[in-house]
Amino acid sequence: MSRTLIIRACAIGDFVLNLPTLHAVRKTWPDKALTLVGYPSTLELAREFIPVEGIYSIESPPWSRLFHEPVSGLDFDGAIVWMKDPVLAENLRGSGIRDIVSADPFPSYGHAATHLLRTLKLGAPPLPDFWRPQSERIVIHAGSGSPRKNWPYFEELAGRLSDVVNLFGPNEEGISRKEILPLPQVFQLLRRCRAYIGNDSGITHLAAYLGCPTVAIFGPTDPRIWGPIGRRSRVIWKAKLEDISVEEVLLALPCKPPRHRQP
């Protein structure tokens, strides 16, 4: 079995958009044992989708040294580096890894997930379906990585829904009922709830990719490039977030309760 190093340092949303490519790598080269380097709290998500040999922090030695110099003793047959700065890939070559693919993770055209597949000349695999609804709970997440991405009417929306779970995000304001969960528990909550509603955020990308019915509310970012991908994902997009009404969001929710399926 060949050993392949994959370096991708990014937040949750960007990493979820990377998952189709990792699926395609596993399907195309099933003999590759994958080691991931980046931010472990994000990369641990990969274990829910594909076999992973190891996960390491890019901020710790020996990986952090690659920003400055080659490192001896790296036992890999190849490497995939999705980073804008080419220095790290160059130092991997200096470390004795010959088969290296280095690419900018950000697209010059098209959707980000399609771009990442394109860097390895791979086709898109089927979207996964981890959704196993077991309750009528609707999860809403009013936060995101930036306040300018946050739709202002989540409090009103929560008042119009029954059996709601509010996930707490770093930029949330005005939400009175909050539930704080670690990421593995968020994963399980999303795959078992009736539906999810959120901003342009990592949790929204995760919900959509799992196959959970997802309503993604977009404003300043372009969903044609950065929108969530999934079997049951819908995007509501307007230049001004405040122009998206609560009624529009409610109408985008599934009309009928799901049929419960066995996990």
Protein backbone atom coordinates (compact mmCIF):
# COMPACT_ATOMS: atom_id res chain seq x y z
CA MET A 1 0.00 0.00 0.00
CA SER A 2 1.40 3.39 -1.01
CA ARG A 3 1.42 6.25 1.49
CA THR A 4 0.17 9.66 0.37
CA LEU A 5 0.47 12.90 2.30
CA ILE A 6 -2.32 15.46 1.88
CA ILE A 7 -1.82 19.00 3.15
CA ARG A 8 -4.92 21.18 3.46
CA ALA A 9 -5.07 23.89 6.13
CA CYS A 10 -8.56 25.36 6.16
CA ALA A 11 -11.77 25.89 8.11
CA ILE A 12 -14.72 23.46 8.23
CA GLY A 13 -16.60 24.79 5.20
CA ASP A 14 -13.62 24.71 2.86
CA PHE A 15 -12.71 21.22 4.05
CA VAL A 16 -16.23 19.91 3.40
CA LEU A 17 -15.86 21.16 -0.17
CA ASN A 18 -12.65 19.10 -0.30
CA LEU A 19 -14.42 15.88 0.69
CA PRO A 20 -15.65 14.96 -2.84
CA THR A 21 -12.03 15.01 -4.00
CA LEU A 22 -10.90 12.84 -1.09
CA HIS A 23 -13.72 10.40 -1.90
CA ALA A 24 -12.60 10.37 -5.53
CA VAL A 25 -8.98 9.73 -4.51
CA ARG A 26 -10.06 6.73 -2.43
CA LYS A 27 -12.21 5.38 -5.27
CA THR A 28 -9.54 5.88 -7.96
CA TRP A 29 -6.55 4.73 -5.90
CA PRO A 30 -7.89 2.39 -3.18
CA ASP A 31 -4.35 1.25 -2.34
CA LYS A 32 -3.36 4.71 -1.07
CA ALA A 33 -3.07 5.18 2.69
CA LEU A 34 -3.88 8.84 3.36
CA THR A 35 -2.23 11.05 5.97
CA LEU A 36 -3.76 14.49 6.46
CA VAL A 37 -1.93 17.59 7.68
CA GLY A 38 -3.68 20.85 8.52
CA TYR A 39 -5.90 21.81 11.45
CA PRO A 40 -6.79 18.58 13.28
CA SER A 41 -10.06 19.86 14.73
CA THR A 42 -11.29 20.25 11.14
CA LEU A 43 -9.52 17.28 9.55
CA GLU A 44 -11.04 14.84 12.06
CA LEU A 45 -14.23 15.17 10.00
CA ALA A 46 -12.54 13.09 7.31
CA ARG A 47 -12.70 9.98 9.52
CA GLU A 48 -16.50 10.06 9.23
CA PHE A 49 -16.24 9.68 5.44
CA ILE A 50 -13.02 7.90 4.42
CA PRO A 51 -10.25 5.75 5.96
CA VAL A 52 -7.40 7.94 7.24
CA GLU A 53 -4.01 6.66 8.39
CA GLY A 54 -3.06 9.73 10.42
CA ILE A 55 -3.95 13.37 11.13
CA TYR A 56 -1.38 15.97 12.18
CA SER A 57 -1.20 19.69 12.90
CA ILE A 58 0.55 21.87 10.36
CA GLU A 59 1.49 24.16 13.26
CA SER A 60 3.61 21.47 14.97
CA PRO A 61 7.00 19.92 14.02
CA PRO A 62 8.02 18.41 11.73
CA TRP A 63 5.27 19.80 9.52
CA SER A 64 5.70 23.44 10.57
CA ARG A 65 9.36 23.26 9.53
CA LEU A 66 8.29 22.71 5.92
CA PHE A 67 7.47 26.40 5.66
CA HIS A 68 11.20 27.09 6.02
CA GLU A 69 13.22 24.03 4.98
CA PRO A 70 13.13 20.39 3.82
CA VAL A 71 12.60 17.72 6.48
CA SER A 72 14.34 14.35 6.52
CA GLY A 73 12.63 11.07 7.31
CA LEU A 74 9.24 11.70 5.67
CA ASP A 75 8.16 8.26 4.49
CA PHE A 76 5.63 9.01 1.74
CA ASP A 77 5.36 7.91 -1.87
CA GLY A 78 3.55 11.07 -2.92
CA ALA A 79 1.91 14.25 -1.70
CA ILE A 80 -1.01 16.50 -2.59
CA VAL A 81 -0.63 20.09 -1.43
CA TRP A 82 -3.58 22.44 -1.69
CA MET A 83 -1.98 25.73 -0.67
CA LYS A 84 -1.55 29.06 -2.41
CA ASP A 85 2.08 29.40 -1.28
CA PRO A 86 4.33 26.98 -3.29
CA VAL A 87 7.13 26.97 -0.68
CA LEU A 88 5.80 23.99 1.26
CA ALA A 89 5.52 21.82 -1.84
CA GLU A 90 9.06 22.79 -2.85
CA ASN A 91 10.38 21.77 0.56
CA LEU A 92 8.55 18.44 0.30
CA ARG A 93 10.44 17.80 -2.94
CA GLY A 94 13.62 18.70 -1.11
CA SER A 95 12.62 16.18 1.54
CA GLY A 96 12.74 13.39 -1.03
CA ILE A 97 9.07 13.10 -2.01
CA ARG A 98 9.10 13.09 -5.80
CA ASP A 99 5.45 12.60 -6.80
CA ILE A 100 3.85 15.88 -5.71
CA VAL A 101 0.73 17.66 -6.91
CA SER A 102 0.64 21.30 -5.82
CA ALA A 103 -2.38 23.50 -6.53
CA ASP A 104 -4.08 26.68 -5.39
CA PRO A 105 -7.17 25.62 -3.40
CA PHE A 106 -9.16 28.63 -4.60
CA PRO A 107 -10.83 28.49 -8.02
CA SER A 108 -10.29 30.94 -10.85
CA TYR A 109 -13.67 29.84 -12.25
CA GLY A 110 -16.49 27.47 -11.35
CA HIS A 111 -17.44 25.94 -8.03
CA ALA A 112 -14.71 25.39 -5.43
CA ALA A 113 -15.49 21.67 -5.05
CA THR A 114 -15.30 21.17 -8.83
CA HIS A 115 -12.00 23.06 -8.92
CA LEU A 116 -10.43 20.77 -6.32
CA LEU A 117 -11.45 17.71 -8.32
CA ARG A 118 -10.05 19.36 -11.42
CA THR A 119 -6.61 19.79 -9.81
CA LEU A 120 -6.30 15.97 -9.77
CA LYS A 121 -8.22 15.42 -13.03
CA LEU A 122 -10.90 13.42 -11.21
CA GLY A 123 -14.62 13.18 -11.80
CA ALA A 124 -17.14 13.95 -9.08
CA PRO A 125 -18.21 10.91 -7.03
CA PRO A 126 -21.85 10.41 -6.00
CA LEU A 127 -22.92 12.64 -3.14
CA PRO A 128 -23.14 10.76 0.17
CA ASP A 129 -26.37 10.23 2.06
CA PHE A 130 -25.87 9.98 5.82
CA TRP A 131 -29.29 11.42 6.64
CA ARG A 132 -31.23 9.15 8.97
CA PRO A 133 -34.05 11.30 10.41
CA GLN A 134 -35.21 10.21 13.83
CA SER A 135 -37.00 13.31 15.10
CA GLU A 136 -38.94 16.40 13.98
CA ARG A 137 -36.25 18.71 15.32
CA ILE A 138 -35.09 21.56 13.06
CA VAL A 139 -31.54 22.75 13.67
CA ILE A 140 -30.77 26.43 13.08
CA HIS A 141 -27.34 28.02 13.23
CA ALA A 142 -27.32 31.81 13.27
CA GLY A 143 -23.55 32.24 13.19
CA SER A 144 -20.78 32.12 10.60
CA GLY A 145 -17.18 33.15 10.19
CA SER A 146 -18.16 36.78 9.63
CA PRO A 147 -21.00 38.98 10.97
CA ARG A 148 -21.68 40.26 7.45
CA LYS A 149 -22.80 36.75 6.45
CA ASN A 150 -25.36 36.50 9.25
CA TRP A 151 -29.03 36.75 8.33
CA PRO A 152 -30.73 39.08 10.87
CA TYR A 153 -34.04 37.27 11.39
CA PHE A 154 -33.12 34.00 13.10
CA GLU A 155 -34.83 34.99 16.35
CA GLU A 156 -38.08 35.60 14.51
CA LEU A 157 -37.64 32.35 12.59
CA ALA A 158 -37.12 30.37 15.79
CA GLY A 159 -40.38 31.79 17.14
CA ARG A 160 -42.24 30.50 14.08
CA LEU A 161 -40.95 26.93 14.45
CA SER A 162 -41.52 24.22 17.01
CA ASP A 163 -38.92 21.75 18.31
CA VAL A 164 -35.92 23.90 17.38
CA VAL A 165 -32.26 23.38 18.29
CA ASN A 166 -30.07 26.50 18.15
CA LEU A 167 -26.39 25.81 17.59
CA PHE A 168 -24.09 28.45 19.02
CA GLY A 169 -21.57 30.13 16.71
CA PRO A 170 -18.81 32.69 17.47
CA ASN A 171 -20.61 35.61 15.80
CA GLU A 172 -24.17 34.97 16.90
CA GLU A 173 -26.21 37.71 18.46
CA GLY A 174 -29.84 37.91 19.50
CA ILE A 175 -30.46 34.20 19.91
CA SER A 176 -31.98 33.38 23.29
CA ARG A 177 -31.96 29.56 23.10
CA LYS A 178 -28.55 28.10 22.43
CA GLU A 179 -27.04 24.63 22.44
CA ILE A 180 -23.28 24.19 22.40
CA LEU A 181 -22.04 20.85 21.08
CA PRO A 182 -18.63 19.48 20.02
CA LEU A 183 -18.27 18.79 16.29
CA PRO A 184 -18.74 14.97 16.46
CA GLN A 185 -22.07 15.50 18.26
CA VAL A 186 -23.06 18.16 15.73
CA PHE A 187 -22.42 15.55 13.01
CA GLN A 188 -24.82 13.11 14.66
CA LEU A 189 -27.44 15.80 15.36
CA LEU A 190 -27.45 16.93 11.73
CA ARG A 191 -27.87 13.45 10.30
CA ARG A 192 -30.83 12.70 12.57
CA CYS A 193 -32.81 15.97 12.53
CA ARG A 194 -35.71 16.85 10.22
CA ALA A 195 -33.96 19.82 8.56
CA TYR A 196 -31.28 22.49 8.99
CA ILE A 197 -31.25 26.26 8.36
CA GLY A 198 -28.08 28.36 8.43
CA ASN A 199 -25.88 31.07 6.94
CA ASP A 200 -22.83 30.63 4.73
CA SER A 201 -20.89 28.67 7.37
CA GLY A 202 -18.96 25.47 7.88
CA ILE A 203 -21.86 23.84 9.72
CA THR A 204 -24.17 24.62 6.79
CA HIS A 205 -21.72 22.95 4.41
CA LEU A 206 -21.54 19.93 6.69
CA ALA A 207 -25.32 19.61 7.00
CA ALA A 208 -25.77 19.76 3.24
CA TYR A 209 -23.00 17.27 2.49
CA LEU A 210 -24.44 14.77 4.95
CA GLY A 211 -27.68 14.82 2.96
CA CYS A 212 -29.71 16.62 5.61
CA PRO A 213 -32.43 18.87 4.06
CA THR A 214 -30.59 22.20 4.22
CA VAL A 215 -31.69 25.77 3.65
CA ALA A 216 -28.57 27.90 3.15
CA ILE A 217 -28.97 31.67 3.38
CA PHE A 218 -26.41 33.56 1.28
CA GLY A 219 -25.73 37.28 0.87
CA PRO A 220 -22.24 38.71 0.25
CA THR A 221 -20.63 35.49 -1.02
CA ASP A 222 -21.46 33.83 -4.32
CA PRO A 223 -23.02 30.35 -3.89
CA ARG A 224 -22.14 29.54 -7.49
CA ILE A 225 -18.55 29.34 -6.19
CA TRP A 226 -18.92 28.67 -2.46
CA GLY A 227 -22.40 27.21 -2.08
CA PRO A 228 -22.98 23.98 -0.14
CA ILE A 229 -23.22 20.72 -2.04
CA GLY A 230 -25.60 17.94 -1.06
CA ARG A 231 -28.56 15.81 -2.10
CA ARG A 232 -31.15 17.98 -0.33
CA SER A 233 -29.61 21.44 -0.27
CA ARG A 234 -31.38 24.68 -1.23
CA VAL A 235 -29.82 28.14 -1.37
CA ILE A 236 -31.63 31.45 -0.90
CA TRP A 237 -29.37 34.21 -2.22
CA LYS A 238 -29.88 37.96 -2.25
CA ALA A 239 -27.30 40.74 -2.26
CA LYS A 240 -28.79 42.18 0.92
CA LEU A 241 -29.44 39.54 3.56
CA GLU A 242 -32.16 41.67 5.14
CA ASP A 243 -34.14 41.34 1.90
CA ILE A 244 -34.62 37.62 2.56
CA SER A 245 -37.86 37.23 4.52
CA VAL A 246 -38.75 34.68 7.16
CA GLU A 247 -41.59 33.53 4.90
CA GLU A 248 -39.13 32.69 2.11
CA VAL A 249 -37.06 30.57 4.46
CA LEU A 250 -40.11 28.77 5.86
CA LEU A 251 -41.35 28.00 2.35
CA ALA A 252 -37.99 26.43 1.50
CA LEU A 253 -38.33 23.85 4.30
CA PRO A 254 -39.58 20.34 3.44
CA CYS A 255 -43.38 20.31 3.56
CA LYS A 256 -43.82 16.84 4.99
CA PRO A 257 -42.16 15.29 8.05
CA PRO A 258 -39.58 12.69 7.06
CA ARG A 259 -40.22 8.99 7.23
CA HIS A 260 -38.03 7.61 9.96
CA ARG A 261 -35.29 5.38 8.66
CA GLN A 262 -33.14 2.92 10.53
CA PRO A 263 -29.55 4.13 11.24
